[in-house]
Amino acid sequence: MKLGLVTEFDAAHSLPGYQGKCANLHGHTYQVEIVVEGDVGVDGFVMDFYLLKKIIAEALQDLDHGYLNDILPNPTAETIAQWISDRLKNDMDGTAVRLLSLKLWEGKNKWVMID
């Protein structure tokens, strides 16, 4: 069965070597949509939403209200999504679920997806 959760974080970045406005320091409100998959346990849950929210919050805490260039050398939407995906997969190791997909919205109309 699949579970989904949506959350947001705010961060600033610049794109080194990019020819355009995004080479300058700027920020976004990012929206992260996460889908996990697992079996329904004897308790009736795939995973408690509270626990899933906690895992995601911990994964995003280094990014929220941060300067993404301090974490990633070229913080494009693609590299940010991959970083979040890798972190979540690591943090979910040992749980009953696996990360099925992640969609990262950079602002309102632009997104990248890992599935």
C-alpha atoms as a PDB file:
ATOM      1  CA  MET A   1       0.000   0.000   0.000  1.00  0.00           C
ATOM      2  CA  LYS A   2       1.158   3.560  -0.635  1.00  0.00           C
ATOM      3  CA  LEU A   3       1.201   6.571   1.699  1.00  0.00           C
ATOM      4  CA  GLY A   4       1.825  10.145   0.659  1.00  0.00           C
ATOM      5  CA  LEU A   5       2.854  13.258   2.488  1.00  0.00           C
ATOM      6  CA  VAL A   6       3.452  16.844   1.382  1.00  0.00           C
ATOM      7  CA  THR A   7       5.573  19.376   3.231  1.00  0.00           C
ATOM      8  CA  GLU A   8       7.458  22.610   2.515  1.00  0.00           C
ATOM      9  CA  PHE A   9      10.740  24.261   3.312  1.00  0.00           C
ATOM     10  CA  ASP A  10      12.312  27.594   2.450  1.00  0.00           C
ATOM     11  CA  ALA A  11      15.890  27.969   1.277  1.00  0.00           C
ATOM     12  CA  ALA A  12      18.230  30.209  -0.696  1.00  0.00           C
ATOM     13  CA  HIS A  13      20.746  29.302  -3.365  1.00  0.00           C
ATOM     14  CA  SER A  14      22.620  30.497  -6.414  1.00  0.00           C
ATOM     15  CA  LEU A  15      23.597  28.513  -9.483  1.00  0.00           C
ATOM     16  CA  PRO A  16      27.334  28.851 -10.151  1.00  0.00           C
ATOM     17  CA  GLY A  17      28.222  29.114 -13.817  1.00  0.00           C
ATOM     18  CA  TYR A  18      24.596  29.609 -14.853  1.00  0.00           C
ATOM     19  CA  GLN A  19      23.997  32.337 -17.429  1.00  0.00           C
ATOM     20  CA  GLY A  20      20.923  34.154 -16.170  1.00  0.00           C
ATOM     21  CA  LYS A  21      19.205  35.572 -13.115  1.00  0.00           C
ATOM     22  CA  CYS A  22      19.476  32.324 -11.158  1.00  0.00           C
ATOM     23  CA  ALA A  23      23.233  32.813 -10.959  1.00  0.00           C
ATOM     24  CA  ASN A  24      22.414  35.437  -8.309  1.00  0.00           C
ATOM     25  CA  LEU A  25      21.445  34.660  -4.739  1.00  0.00           C
ATOM     26  CA  HIS A  26      17.696  34.019  -4.525  1.00  0.00           C
ATOM     27  CA  GLY A  27      15.248  31.884  -2.587  1.00  0.00           C
ATOM     28  CA  HIS A  28      12.304  29.549  -3.019  1.00  0.00           C
ATOM     29  CA  THR A  29       9.572  27.933  -1.050  1.00  0.00           C
ATOM     30  CA  TYR A  30      10.082  24.303  -1.996  1.00  0.00           C
ATOM     31  CA  GLN A  31       7.301  21.761  -1.722  1.00  0.00           C
ATOM     32  CA  VAL A  32       8.220  18.105  -1.283  1.00  0.00           C
ATOM     33  CA  GLU A  33       5.738  15.343  -2.123  1.00  0.00           C
ATOM     34  CA  ILE A  34       6.794  11.946  -0.868  1.00  0.00           C
ATOM     35  CA  VAL A  35       5.218   8.550  -1.512  1.00  0.00           C
ATOM     36  CA  VAL A  36       6.286   5.517   0.496  1.00  0.00           C
ATOM     37  CA  GLU A  37       5.211   1.921   0.086  1.00  0.00           C
ATOM     38  CA  GLY A  38       4.867  -0.952   2.514  1.00  0.00           C
ATOM     39  CA  ASP A  39       2.580  -3.611   3.879  1.00  0.00           C
ATOM     40  CA  VAL A  40      -0.184  -2.919   6.356  1.00  0.00           C
ATOM     41  CA  GLY A  41       1.013  -4.200   9.711  1.00  0.00           C
ATOM     42  CA  VAL A  42      -0.951  -5.940  12.438  1.00  0.00           C
ATOM     43  CA  ASP A  43      -1.519  -2.479  13.954  1.00  0.00           C
ATOM     44  CA  GLY A  44      -3.423  -1.445  10.806  1.00  0.00           C
ATOM     45  CA  PHE A  45      -0.748   1.022   9.641  1.00  0.00           C
ATOM     46  CA  VAL A  46       1.706   1.010   6.778  1.00  0.00           C
ATOM     47  CA  MET A  47       3.464   3.676   8.846  1.00  0.00           C
ATOM     48  CA  ASP A  48       2.053   6.156  11.322  1.00  0.00           C
ATOM     49  CA  PHE A  49       1.845   9.566   9.624  1.00  0.00           C
ATOM     50  CA  TYR A  50       3.382  11.101  12.748  1.00  0.00           C
ATOM     51  CA  LEU A  51       6.511   8.962  12.333  1.00  0.00           C
ATOM     52  CA  LEU A  52       6.680   9.670   8.595  1.00  0.00           C
ATOM     53  CA  LYS A  53       6.407  13.434   9.250  1.00  0.00           C
ATOM     54  CA  LYS A  54       9.203  13.164  11.825  1.00  0.00           C
ATOM     55  CA  ILE A  55      11.523  11.312   9.414  1.00  0.00           C
ATOM     56  CA  ILE A  56      10.889  13.887   6.683  1.00  0.00           C
ATOM     57  CA  ALA A  57      11.324  16.854   9.050  1.00  0.00           C
ATOM     58  CA  GLU A  58      14.671  15.483  10.218  1.00  0.00           C
ATOM     59  CA  ALA A  59      15.809  14.995   6.614  1.00  0.00           C
ATOM     60  CA  LEU A  60      14.848  18.558   5.665  1.00  0.00           C
ATOM     61  CA  GLN A  61      16.146  20.320   8.771  1.00  0.00           C
ATOM     62  CA  ASP A  62      19.577  20.922   7.195  1.00  0.00           C
ATOM     63  CA  LEU A  63      17.938  22.561   4.169  1.00  0.00           C
ATOM     64  CA  ASP A  64      15.168  24.624   5.762  1.00  0.00           C
ATOM     65  CA  HIS A  65      16.044  28.326   5.887  1.00  0.00           C
ATOM     66  CA  GLY A  66      19.559  27.467   4.787  1.00  0.00           C
ATOM     67  CA  TYR A  67      21.912  28.392   1.989  1.00  0.00           C
ATOM     68  CA  LEU A  68      21.854  25.303  -0.221  1.00  0.00           C
ATOM     69  CA  ASN A  69      25.280  26.032  -1.731  1.00  0.00           C
ATOM     70  CA  ASP A  70      26.767  25.184   1.677  1.00  0.00           C
ATOM     71  CA  ILE A  71      25.456  21.610   1.217  1.00  0.00           C
ATOM     72  CA  LEU A  72      25.518  21.095  -2.554  1.00  0.00           C
ATOM     73  CA  PRO A  73      28.082  22.601  -4.957  1.00  0.00           C
ATOM     74  CA  ASN A  74      25.462  23.112  -7.678  1.00  0.00           C
ATOM     75  CA  PRO A  75      22.019  23.147  -5.993  1.00  0.00           C
ATOM     76  CA  THR A  76      19.727  22.646  -8.969  1.00  0.00           C
ATOM     77  CA  ALA A  77      16.259  21.226  -8.368  1.00  0.00           C
ATOM     78  CA  GLU A  78      17.593  17.890  -9.614  1.00  0.00           C
ATOM     79  CA  THR A  79      20.525  17.730  -7.189  1.00  0.00           C
ATOM     80  CA  ILE A  80      18.370  18.929  -4.273  1.00  0.00           C
ATOM     81  CA  ALA A  81      15.781  16.226  -5.004  1.00  0.00           C
ATOM     82  CA  GLN A  82      18.500  13.561  -5.216  1.00  0.00           C
ATOM     83  CA  TRP A  83      20.020  14.728  -1.915  1.00  0.00           C
ATOM     84  CA  ILE A  84      16.617  14.554  -0.187  1.00  0.00           C
ATOM     85  CA  SER A  85      15.890  11.143  -1.730  1.00  0.00           C
ATOM     86  CA  ASP A  86      19.236   9.712  -0.610  1.00  0.00           C
ATOM     87  CA  ARG A  87      18.771  11.090   2.894  1.00  0.00           C
ATOM     88  CA  LEU A  88      15.226   9.709   3.194  1.00  0.00           C
ATOM     89  CA  LYS A  89      16.255   6.282   1.915  1.00  0.00           C
ATOM     90  CA  ASN A  90      18.995   6.182   4.524  1.00  0.00           C
ATOM     91  CA  ASP A  91      16.673   7.411   7.296  1.00  0.00           C
ATOM     92  CA  MET A  92      13.977   4.885   6.330  1.00  0.00           C
ATOM     93  CA  ASP A  93      16.395   1.967   6.407  1.00  0.00           C
ATOM     94  CA  GLY A  94      15.140  -0.389   9.067  1.00  0.00           C
ATOM     95  CA  THR A  95      11.530   0.802   8.838  1.00  0.00           C
ATOM     96  CA  ALA A  96       8.680  -1.128   7.236  1.00  0.00           C
ATOM     97  CA  VAL A  97       8.470   1.262   4.252  1.00  0.00           C
ATOM     98  CA  ARG A  98      10.557   2.222   1.270  1.00  0.00           C
ATOM     99  CA  LEU A  99      10.623   5.511  -0.622  1.00  0.00           C
ATOM    100  CA  LEU A 100       8.657   5.007  -3.830  1.00  0.00           C
ATOM    101  CA  SER A 101       8.778   8.529  -5.286  1.00  0.00           C
ATOM    102  CA  LEU A 102       9.711  12.085  -4.469  1.00  0.00           C
ATOM    103  CA  LYS A 103       8.551  15.216  -6.264  1.00  0.00           C
ATOM    104  CA  LEU A 104      10.263  18.518  -5.503  1.00  0.00           C
ATOM    105  CA  TRP A 105       8.431  21.690  -6.491  1.00  0.00           C
ATOM    106  CA  GLU A 106      10.644  24.754  -6.910  1.00  0.00           C
ATOM    107  CA  GLY A 107       8.056  27.466  -6.531  1.00  0.00           C
ATOM    108  CA  LYS A 108       4.570  27.040  -7.977  1.00  0.00           C
ATOM    109  CA  ASN A 109       4.969  25.722 -11.491  1.00  0.00           C
ATOM    110  CA  LYS A 110       8.242  23.825 -11.684  1.00  0.00           C
ATOM    111  CA  TRP A 111       9.079  20.360 -10.382  1.00  0.00           C
ATOM    112  CA  VAL A 112      11.406  17.393 -10.681  1.00  0.00           C
ATOM    113  CA  MET A 113      10.487  13.824  -9.773  1.00  0.00           C
ATOM    114  CA  ILE A 114      12.406  10.738  -8.714  1.00  0.00           C
ATOM    115  CA  ASP A 115      10.584   7.426  -8.907  1.00  0.00           C
END
